Amino acid sequence: MQFMVMTQRYSDQYSEEEFASVLPEETETVRKLYAEGVVRQIWLRADGPGACFLLEAASLEEAQAAVDALPLAREQMSEFRIIPLRPYGGFGPR
């Protein structure tokens, strides 16, 4: 099952220096999840500080556990919105 995860940094509560201290571990954790096939694609948001990524998990609970492993989630420095996805039916048989 795939999930869209939308993140937004709490820039009003944390300084750029505080984010900079966590980002190397965040990057390494995302790389590990990507290598494991959990994170499928990731983008930085152009509308503000944060990211958007596709996550592969068997359940919402498993997706939440993957998100909770991220340092920015663990330190509560960003909001993480997990959105379950379902297949688009418009390409199937009529």
PDB file of N, CA and C in Angstrom:
ATOM      1  N   MET A   1       0.855  -1.171   0.000  1.00  0.00           N
ATOM      2  CA  MET A   1       0.000   0.000   0.000  1.00  0.00           C
ATOM      3  C   MET A   1       0.902   1.235   0.000  1.00  0.00           C
ATOM      4  N   GLN A   2       0.479   2.274  -0.716  1.00  0.00           N
ATOM      5  CA  GLN A   2       1.278   3.484  -0.765  1.00  0.00           C
ATOM      6  C   GLN A   2       0.601   4.614  -0.001  1.00  0.00           C
ATOM      7  N   PHE A   3       1.464   5.478   0.530  1.00  0.00           N
ATOM      8  CA  PHE A   3       1.026   6.634   1.308  1.00  0.00           C
ATOM      9  C   PHE A   3       1.780   7.862   0.813  1.00  0.00           C
ATOM     10  N   MET A   4       1.081   8.978   0.742  1.00  0.00           N
ATOM     11  CA  MET A   4       1.709  10.266   0.468  1.00  0.00           C
ATOM     12  C   MET A   4       1.955  10.895   1.835  1.00  0.00           C
ATOM     13  N   VAL A   5       3.172  11.353   2.057  1.00  0.00           N
ATOM     14  CA  VAL A   5       3.496  12.016   3.315  1.00  0.00           C
ATOM     15  C   VAL A   5       3.884  13.453   2.987  1.00  0.00           C
ATOM     16  N   MET A   6       3.159  14.387   3.564  1.00  0.00           N
ATOM     17  CA  MET A   6       3.420  15.808   3.393  1.00  0.00           C
ATOM     18  C   MET A   6       4.027  16.319   4.699  1.00  0.00           C
ATOM     19  N   THR A   7       5.161  16.988   4.602  1.00  0.00           N
ATOM     20  CA  THR A   7       5.789  17.527   5.800  1.00  0.00           C
ATOM     21  C   THR A   7       5.894  19.043   5.688  1.00  0.00           C
ATOM     22  N   GLN A   8       5.898  19.667   6.839  1.00  0.00           N
ATOM     23  CA  GLN A   8       6.100  21.108   6.903  1.00  0.00           C
ATOM     24  C   GLN A   8       6.879  21.398   8.181  1.00  0.00           C
ATOM     25  N   ARG A   9       7.998  22.057   8.015  1.00  0.00           N
ATOM     26  CA  ARG A   9       8.831  22.389   9.177  1.00  0.00           C
ATOM     27  C   ARG A   9       8.131  23.407  10.069  1.00  0.00           C
ATOM     28  N   TYR A  10       8.374  23.292  11.360  1.00  0.00           N
ATOM     29  CA  TYR A  10       7.905  24.287  12.318  1.00  0.00           C
ATOM     30  C   TYR A  10       8.946  25.403  12.394  1.00  0.00           C
ATOM     31  N   SER A  11       9.055  26.165  11.314  1.00  0.00           N
ATOM     32  CA  SER A  11      10.058  27.223  11.201  1.00  0.00           C
ATOM     33  C   SER A  11       9.822  28.360  12.182  1.00  0.00           C
ATOM     34  N   ASP A  12       8.607  28.493  12.660  1.00  0.00           N
ATOM     35  CA  ASP A  12       8.303  29.542  13.630  1.00  0.00           C
ATOM     36  C   ASP A  12       8.746  29.162  15.045  1.00  0.00           C
ATOM     37  N   GLN A  13       9.063  27.872  15.251  1.00  0.00           N
ATOM     38  CA  GLN A  13       9.443  27.403  16.589  1.00  0.00           C
ATOM     39  C   GLN A  13      10.921  27.043  16.705  1.00  0.00           C
ATOM     40  N   TYR A  14      11.582  26.796  15.556  1.00  0.00           N
ATOM     41  CA  TYR A  14      12.975  26.351  15.561  1.00  0.00           C
ATOM     42  C   TYR A  14      13.791  27.201  14.590  1.00  0.00           C
ATOM     43  N   SER A  15      15.049  27.434  14.949  1.00  0.00           N
ATOM     44  CA  SER A  15      15.935  28.232  14.108  1.00  0.00           C
ATOM     45  C   SER A  15      16.533  27.370  12.995  1.00  0.00           C
ATOM     46  N   GLU A  16      17.091  28.029  11.999  1.00  0.00           N
ATOM     47  CA  GLU A  16      17.776  27.314  10.919  1.00  0.00           C
ATOM     48  C   GLU A  16      18.951  26.507  11.471  1.00  0.00           C
ATOM     49  N   GLU A  17      19.610  27.016  12.491  1.00  0.00           N
ATOM     50  CA  GLU A  17      20.721  26.291  13.114  1.00  0.00           C
ATOM     51  C   GLU A  17      20.229  25.002  13.767  1.00  0.00           C
ATOM     52  N   GLU A  18      19.069  25.055  14.402  1.00  0.00           N
ATOM     53  CA  GLU A  18      18.508  23.846  15.021  1.00  0.00           C
ATOM     54  C   GLU A  18      18.155  22.812  13.953  1.00  0.00           C
ATOM     55  N   PHE A  19      17.568  23.262  12.845  1.00  0.00           N
ATOM     56  CA  PHE A  19      17.277  22.330  11.751  1.00  0.00           C
ATOM     57  C   PHE A  19      18.572  21.760  11.178  1.00  0.00           C
ATOM     58  N   ALA A  20      19.562  22.615  10.993  1.00  0.00           N
ATOM     59  CA  ALA A  20      20.834  22.178  10.411  1.00  0.00           C
ATOM     60  C   ALA A  20      21.498  21.101  11.265  1.00  0.00           C
ATOM     61  N   SER A  21      21.273  21.124  12.567  1.00  0.00           N
ATOM     62  CA  SER A  21      21.884  20.116  13.435  1.00  0.00           C
ATOM     63  C   SER A  21      21.224  18.746  13.301  1.00  0.00           C
ATOM     64  N   VAL A  22      19.993  18.705  12.807  1.00  0.00           N
ATOM     65  CA  VAL A  22      19.239  17.450  12.691  1.00  0.00           C
ATOM     66  C   VAL A  22      19.250  16.913  11.253  1.00  0.00           C
ATOM     67  N   LEU A  23      19.431  17.777  10.272  1.00  0.00           N
ATOM     68  CA  LEU A  23      19.285  17.379   8.868  1.00  0.00           C
ATOM     69  C   LEU A  23      20.258  16.289   8.396  1.00  0.00           C
ATOM     70  N   PRO A  24      21.514  16.248   8.838  1.00  0.00           N
ATOM     71  CA  PRO A  24      22.368  15.143   8.382  1.00  0.00           C
ATOM     72  C   PRO A  24      21.816  13.762   8.783  1.00  0.00           C
ATOM     73  N   GLU A  25      21.321  13.632   9.991  1.00  0.00           N
ATOM     74  CA  GLU A  25      20.726  12.355  10.417  1.00  0.00           C
ATOM     75  C   GLU A  25      19.419  12.091   9.672  1.00  0.00           C
ATOM     76  N   GLU A  26      18.649  13.139   9.426  1.00  0.00           N
ATOM     77  CA  GLU A  26      17.399  13.005   8.658  1.00  0.00           C
ATOM     78  C   GLU A  26      17.706  12.463   7.263  1.00  0.00           C
ATOM     79  N   THR A  27      18.717  13.051   6.612  1.00  0.00           N
ATOM     80  CA  THR A  27      19.106  12.623   5.272  1.00  0.00           C
ATOM     81  C   THR A  27      19.538  11.164   5.263  1.00  0.00           C
ATOM     82  N   GLU A  28      20.326  10.769   6.220  1.00  0.00           N
ATOM     83  CA  GLU A  28      20.789   9.377   6.293  1.00  0.00           C
ATOM     84  C   GLU A  28      19.632   8.412   6.542  1.00  0.00           C
ATOM     85  N   THR A  29      18.689   8.810   7.371  1.00  0.00           N
ATOM     86  CA  THR A  29      17.527   7.958   7.644  1.00  0.00           C
ATOM     87  C   THR A  29      16.675   7.803   6.391  1.00  0.00           C
ATOM     88  N   VAL A  30      16.464   8.889   5.654  1.00  0.00           N
ATOM     89  CA  VAL A  30      15.697   8.821   4.405  1.00  0.00           C
ATOM     90  C   VAL A  30      16.423   7.942   3.388  1.00  0.00           C
ATOM     91  N   ARG A  31      17.749   8.062   3.287  1.00  0.00           N
ATOM     92  CA  ARG A  31      18.523   7.210   2.368  1.00  0.00           C
ATOM     93  C   ARG A  31      18.357   5.739   2.717  1.00  0.00           C
ATOM     94  N   LYS A  32      18.398   5.431   3.994  1.00  0.00           N
ATOM     95  CA  LYS A  32      18.221   4.040   4.451  1.00  0.00           C
ATOM     96  C   LYS A  32      16.827   3.533   4.080  1.00  0.00           C
ATOM     97  N   LEU A  33      15.797   4.336   4.346  1.00  0.00           N
ATOM     98  CA  LEU A  33      14.429   3.938   4.009  1.00  0.00           C
ATOM     99  C   LEU A  33      14.248   3.795   2.501  1.00  0.00           C
ATOM    100  N   TYR A  34      14.940   4.632   1.721  1.00  0.00           N
ATOM    101  CA  TYR A  34      14.885   4.516   0.263  1.00  0.00           C
ATOM    102  C   TYR A  34      15.553   3.214  -0.188  1.00  0.00           C
ATOM    103  N   ALA A  35      16.704   2.907   0.372  1.00  0.00           N
ATOM    104  CA  ALA A  35      17.415   1.669   0.018  1.00  0.00           C
ATOM    105  C   ALA A  35      16.600   0.439   0.382  1.00  0.00           C
ATOM    106  N   GLU A  36      15.792   0.532   1.416  1.00  0.00           N
ATOM    107  CA  GLU A  36      14.936  -0.583   1.847  1.00  0.00           C
ATOM    108  C   GLU A  36      13.631  -0.655   1.061  1.00  0.00           C
ATOM    109  N   GLY A  37      13.365   0.324   0.191  1.00  0.00           N
ATOM    110  CA  GLY A  37      12.128   0.328  -0.592  1.00  0.00           C
ATOM    111  C   GLY A  37      10.937   0.902   0.152  1.00  0.00           C
ATOM    112  N   VAL A  38      11.169   1.512   1.290  1.00  0.00           N
ATOM    113  CA  VAL A  38      10.071   2.110   2.065  1.00  0.00           C
ATOM    114  C   VAL A  38       9.730   3.488   1.493  1.00  0.00           C
ATOM    115  N   VAL A  39      10.732   4.338   1.345  1.00  0.00           N
ATOM    116  CA  VAL A  39      10.535   5.616   0.653  1.00  0.00           C
ATOM    117  C   VAL A  39      10.752   5.344  -0.832  1.00  0.00           C
ATOM    118  N   ARG A  40       9.744   5.657  -1.639  1.00  0.00           N
ATOM    119  CA  ARG A  40       9.815   5.372  -3.082  1.00  0.00           C
ATOM    120  C   ARG A  40      10.270   6.573  -3.885  1.00  0.00           C
ATOM    121  N   GLN A  41       9.793   7.750  -3.513  1.00  0.00           N
ATOM    122  CA  GLN A  41      10.150   9.000  -4.186  1.00  0.00           C
ATOM    123  C   GLN A  41      10.066  10.106  -3.138  1.00  0.00           C
ATOM    124  N   ILE A  42      10.866  11.150  -3.330  1.00  0.00           N
ATOM    125  CA  ILE A  42      10.814  12.273  -2.387  1.00  0.00           C
ATOM    126  C   ILE A  42      11.111  13.564  -3.135  1.00  0.00           C
ATOM    127  N   TRP A  43      10.434  14.615  -2.729  1.00  0.00           N
ATOM    128  CA  TRP A  43      10.616  15.947  -3.307  1.00  0.00           C
ATOM    129  C   TRP A  43      10.675  16.950  -2.170  1.00  0.00           C
ATOM    130  N   LEU A  44      11.394  18.045  -2.384  1.00  0.00           N
ATOM    131  CA  LEU A  44      11.314  19.183  -1.481  1.00  0.00           C
ATOM    132  C   LEU A  44      10.165  20.056  -1.954  1.00  0.00           C
ATOM    133  N   ARG A  45       9.449  20.640  -1.016  1.00  0.00           N
ATOM    134  CA  ARG A  45       8.327  21.495  -1.377  1.00  0.00           C
ATOM    135  C   ARG A  45       8.835  22.842  -1.867  1.00  0.00           C
ATOM    136  N   ALA A  46       8.219  23.369  -2.915  1.00  0.00           N
ATOM    137  CA  ALA A  46       8.576  24.673  -3.452  1.00  0.00           C
ATOM    138  C   ALA A  46       7.772  25.787  -2.799  1.00  0.00           C
ATOM    139  N   ASP A  47       6.726  25.432  -2.051  1.00  0.00           N
ATOM    140  CA  ASP A  47       5.864  26.434  -1.432  1.00  0.00           C
ATOM    141  C   ASP A  47       6.256  26.765   0.004  1.00  0.00           C
ATOM    142  N   GLY A  48       7.325  26.151   0.505  1.00  0.00           N
ATOM    143  CA  GLY A  48       7.771  26.419   1.867  1.00  0.00           C
ATOM    144  C   GLY A  48       8.683  25.307   2.341  1.00  0.00           C
ATOM    145  N   PRO A  49       9.216  25.432   3.546  1.00  0.00           N
ATOM    146  CA  PRO A  49      10.145  24.428   4.047  1.00  0.00           C
ATOM    147  C   PRO A  49       9.439  23.122   4.418  1.00  0.00           C
ATOM    148  N   GLY A  50       9.811  22.076   3.751  1.00  0.00           N
ATOM    149  CA  GLY A  50       9.224  20.764   3.997  1.00  0.00           C
ATOM    150  C   GLY A  50       9.472  19.863   2.815  1.00  0.00           C
ATOM    151  N   ALA A  51       8.873  18.696   2.864  1.00  0.00           N
ATOM    152  CA  ALA A  51       9.053  17.700   1.808  1.00  0.00           C
ATOM    153  C   ALA A  51       7.733  16.983   1.571  1.00  0.00           C
ATOM    154  N   CYS A  52       7.722  16.224   0.492  1.00  0.00           N
ATOM    155  CA  CYS A  52       6.595  15.369   0.136  1.00  0.00           C
ATOM    156  C   CYS A  52       7.204  14.065  -0.357  1.00  0.00           C
ATOM    157  N   PHE A  53       6.744  12.931   0.166  1.00  0.00           N
ATOM    158  CA  PHE A  53       7.309  11.671  -0.309  1.00  0.00           C
ATOM    159  C   PHE A  53       6.279  10.568  -0.356  1.00  0.00           C
ATOM    160  N   LEU A  54       6.527   9.601  -1.256  1.00  0.00           N
ATOM    161  CA  LEU A  54       5.718   8.399  -1.361  1.00  0.00           C
ATOM    162  C   LEU A  54       6.366   7.327  -0.506  1.00  0.00           C
ATOM    163  N   LEU A  55       5.558   6.678   0.292  1.00  0.00           N
ATOM    164  CA  LEU A  55       6.030   5.681   1.226  1.00  0.00           C
ATOM    165  C   LEU A  55       5.282   4.380   0.968  1.00  0.00           C
ATOM    166  N   GLU A  56       5.985   3.265   0.982  1.00  0.00           N
ATOM    167  CA  GLU A  56       5.396   1.936   0.795  1.00  0.00           C
ATOM    168  C   GLU A  56       5.331   1.248   2.157  1.00  0.00           C
ATOM    169  N   ALA A  57       4.132   0.801   2.546  1.00  0.00           N
ATOM    170  CA  ALA A  57       3.954   0.119   3.831  1.00  0.00           C
ATOM    171  C   ALA A  57       2.732  -0.787   3.750  1.00  0.00           C
ATOM    172  N   ALA A  58       2.708  -1.799   4.598  1.00  0.00           N
ATOM    173  CA  ALA A  58       1.598  -2.748   4.606  1.00  0.00           C
ATOM    174  C   ALA A  58       0.340  -2.177   5.256  1.00  0.00           C
ATOM    175  N   SER A  59       0.504  -1.178   6.112  1.00  0.00           N
ATOM    176  CA  SER A  59      -0.639  -0.615   6.838  1.00  0.00           C
ATOM    177  C   SER A  59      -0.325   0.817   7.252  1.00  0.00           C
ATOM    178  N   LEU A  60      -1.341   1.523   7.698  1.00  0.00           N
ATOM    179  CA  LEU A  60      -1.152   2.874   8.204  1.00  0.00           C
ATOM    180  C   LEU A  60      -0.230   2.862   9.421  1.00  0.00           C
ATOM    181  N   GLU A  61      -0.351   1.836  10.247  1.00  0.00           N
ATOM    182  CA  GLU A  61       0.497   1.735  11.438  1.00  0.00           C
ATOM    183  C   GLU A  61       1.973   1.580  11.052  1.00  0.00           C
ATOM    184  N   GLU A  62       2.231   0.778  10.027  1.00  0.00           N
ATOM    185  CA  GLU A  62       3.600   0.594   9.535  1.00  0.00           C
ATOM    186  C   GLU A  62       4.131   1.888   8.919  1.00  0.00           C
ATOM    187  N   ALA A  63       3.282   2.607   8.211  1.00  0.00           N
ATOM    188  CA  ALA A  63       3.682   3.900   7.638  1.00  0.00           C
ATOM    189  C   ALA A  63       4.002   4.887   8.760  1.00  0.00           C
ATOM    190  N   GLN A  64       3.184   4.892   9.789  1.00  0.00           N
ATOM    191  CA  GLN A  64       3.412   5.783  10.926  1.00  0.00           C
ATOM    192  C   GLN A  64       4.731   5.444  11.622  1.00  0.00           C
ATOM    193  N   ALA A  65       5.038   4.168  11.747  1.00  0.00           N
ATOM    194  CA  ALA A  65       6.300   3.755  12.370  1.00  0.00           C
ATOM    195  C   ALA A  65       7.498   4.237  11.552  1.00  0.00           C
ATOM    196  N   ALA A  66       7.394   4.182  10.229  1.00  0.00           N
ATOM    197  CA  ALA A  66       8.482   4.663   9.367  1.00  0.00           C
ATOM    198  C   ALA A  66       8.661   6.170   9.542  1.00  0.00           C
ATOM    199  N   VAL A  67       7.569   6.897   9.578  1.00  0.00           N
ATOM    200  CA  VAL A  67       7.637   8.347   9.776  1.00  0.00           C
ATOM    201  C   VAL A  67       8.210   8.659  11.158  1.00  0.00           C
ATOM    202  N   ASP A  68       7.782   7.933  12.168  1.00  0.00           N
ATOM    203  CA  ASP A  68       8.260   8.173  13.528  1.00  0.00           C
ATOM    204  C   ASP A  68       9.762   7.943  13.672  1.00  0.00           C
ATOM    205  N   ALA A  69      10.355   7.166  12.756  1.00  0.00           N
ATOM    206  CA  ALA A  69      11.804   6.916  12.788  1.00  0.00           C
ATOM    207  C   ALA A  69      12.607   8.107  12.278  1.00  0.00           C
ATOM    208  N   LEU A  70      11.957   9.055  11.625  1.00  0.00           N
ATOM    209  CA  LEU A  70      12.657  10.222  11.089  1.00  0.00           C
ATOM    210  C   LEU A  70      13.013  11.196  12.215  1.00  0.00           C
ATOM    211  N   PRO A  71      14.246  11.685  12.244  1.00  0.00           N
ATOM    212  CA  PRO A  71      14.655  12.602  13.306  1.00  0.00           C
ATOM    213  C   PRO A  71      13.791  13.854  13.439  1.00  0.00           C
ATOM    214  N   LEU A  72      13.342  14.436  12.314  1.00  0.00           N
ATOM    215  CA  LEU A  72      12.490  15.618  12.420  1.00  0.00           C
ATOM    216  C   LEU A  72      11.137  15.298  13.049  1.00  0.00           C
ATOM    217  N   ALA A  73      10.677  14.070  12.894  1.00  0.00           N
ATOM    218  CA  ALA A  73       9.443  13.641  13.566  1.00  0.00           C
ATOM    219  C   ALA A  73       9.731  13.357  15.040  1.00  0.00           C
ATOM    220  N   ARG A  74      10.807  12.641  15.284  1.00  0.00           N
ATOM    221  CA  ARG A  74      11.176  12.269  16.661  1.00  0.00           C
ATOM    222  C   ARG A  74      11.387  13.516  17.524  1.00  0.00           C
ATOM    223  N   GLU A  75      12.006  14.549  16.940  1.00  0.00           N
ATOM    224  CA  GLU A  75      12.267  15.799  17.666  1.00  0.00           C
ATOM    225  C   GLU A  75      11.085  16.765  17.617  1.00  0.00           C
ATOM    226  N   GLN A  76      10.001  16.362  16.933  1.00  0.00           N
ATOM    227  CA  GLN A  76       8.786  17.172  16.777  1.00  0.00           C
ATOM    228  C   GLN A  76       9.084  18.551  16.192  1.00  0.00           C
ATOM    229  N   MET A  77       9.967  18.548  15.167  1.00  0.00           N
ATOM    230  CA  MET A  77      10.363  19.794  14.512  1.00  0.00           C
ATOM    231  C   MET A  77       9.599  20.038  13.216  1.00  0.00           C
ATOM    232  N   SER A  78       8.793  19.065  12.796  1.00  0.00           N
ATOM    233  CA  SER A  78       8.004  19.183  11.571  1.00  0.00           C
ATOM    234  C   SER A  78       6.667  18.496  11.769  1.00  0.00           C
ATOM    235  N   GLU A  79       5.700  18.953  11.001  1.00  0.00           N
ATOM    236  CA  GLU A  79       4.407  18.280  10.928  1.00  0.00           C
ATOM    237  C   GLU A  79       4.504  17.221   9.836  1.00  0.00           C
ATOM    238  N   PHE A  80       3.958  16.041  10.080  1.00  0.00           N
ATOM    239  CA  PHE A  80       3.937  14.958   9.093  1.00  0.00           C
ATOM    240  C   PHE A  80       2.490  14.529   8.901  1.00  0.00           C
ATOM    241  N   ARG A  81       1.977  14.697   7.698  1.00  0.00           N
ATOM    242  CA  ARG A  81       0.607  14.286   7.365  1.00  0.00           C
ATOM    243  C   ARG A  81       0.696  13.068   6.462  1.00  0.00           C
ATOM    244  N   ILE A  82       0.170  11.936   6.925  1.00  0.00           N
ATOM    245  CA  ILE A  82       0.205  10.680   6.178  1.00  0.00           C
ATOM    246  C   ILE A  82      -1.149  10.484   5.504  1.00  0.00           C
ATOM    247  N   ILE A  83      -1.131  10.349   4.186  1.00  0.00           N
ATOM    248  CA  ILE A  83      -2.363  10.231   3.404  1.00  0.00           C
ATOM    249  C   ILE A  83      -2.367   8.886   2.685  1.00  0.00           C
ATOM    250  N   PRO A  84      -3.292   7.974   3.037  1.00  0.00           N
ATOM    251  CA  PRO A  84      -3.375   6.697   2.308  1.00  0.00           C
ATOM    252  C   PRO A  84      -3.807   6.942   0.864  1.00  0.00           C
ATOM    253  N   LEU A  85      -3.224   6.193  -0.052  1.00  0.00           N
ATOM    254  CA  LEU A  85      -3.560   6.307  -1.471  1.00  0.00           C
ATOM    255  C   LEU A  85      -4.229   5.031  -1.958  1.00  0.00           C
ATOM    256  N   ARG A  86      -5.067   5.174  -2.982  1.00  0.00           N
ATOM    257  CA  ARG A  86      -5.662   3.993  -3.633  1.00  0.00           C
ATOM    258  C   ARG A  86      -5.513   4.159  -5.127  1.00  0.00           C
ATOM    259  N   PRO A  87      -5.571   3.071  -5.861  1.00  0.00           N
ATOM    260  CA  PRO A  87      -5.363   3.144  -7.308  1.00  0.00           C
ATOM    261  C   PRO A  87      -6.430   4.008  -7.990  1.00  0.00           C
ATOM    262  N   TYR A  88      -6.016   4.678  -9.037  1.00  0.00           N
ATOM    263  CA  TYR A  88      -6.913   5.453  -9.874  1.00  0.00           C
ATOM    264  C   TYR A  88      -7.645   4.476 -10.794  1.00  0.00           C
ATOM    265  N   GLY A  89      -8.961   4.526 -10.787  1.00  0.00           N
ATOM    266  CA  GLY A  89      -9.764   3.591 -11.562  1.00  0.00           C
ATOM    267  C   GLY A  89     -10.007   3.964 -13.003  1.00  0.00           C
ATOM    268  N   GLY A  90      -9.602   5.153 -13.414  1.00  0.00           N
ATOM    269  CA  GLY A  90      -9.903   5.648 -14.749  1.00  0.00           C
ATOM    270  C   GLY A  90      -9.172   4.929 -15.875  1.00  0.00           C
ATOM    271  N   PHE A  91      -8.146   4.153 -15.571  1.00  0.00           N
ATOM    272  CA  PHE A  91      -7.385   3.451 -16.617  1.00  0.00           C
ATOM    273  C   PHE A  91      -7.827   2.014 -16.776  1.00  0.00           C
ATOM    274  N   GLY A  92      -8.753   1.562 -15.947  1.00  0.00           N
ATOM    275  CA  GLY A  92      -9.195   0.173 -16.015  1.00  0.00           C
ATOM    276  C   GLY A  92     -10.201  -0.067 -17.129  1.00  0.00           C
ATOM    277  N   PRO A  93     -10.683  -1.304 -17.236  1.00  0.00           N
ATOM    278  CA  PRO A  93     -11.676  -1.612 -18.264  1.00  0.00           C
ATOM    279  C   PRO A  93     -12.956  -0.834 -18.056  1.00  0.00           C
ATOM    280  N   ARG A  94     -13.650  -0.571 -19.142  1.00  0.00           N
ATOM    281  CA  ARG A  94     -14.917   0.168 -19.061  1.00  0.00           C
ATOM    282  C   ARG A  94     -16.068  -0.771 -18.946  1.00  0.00           C
TER     283      ARG A  94
END
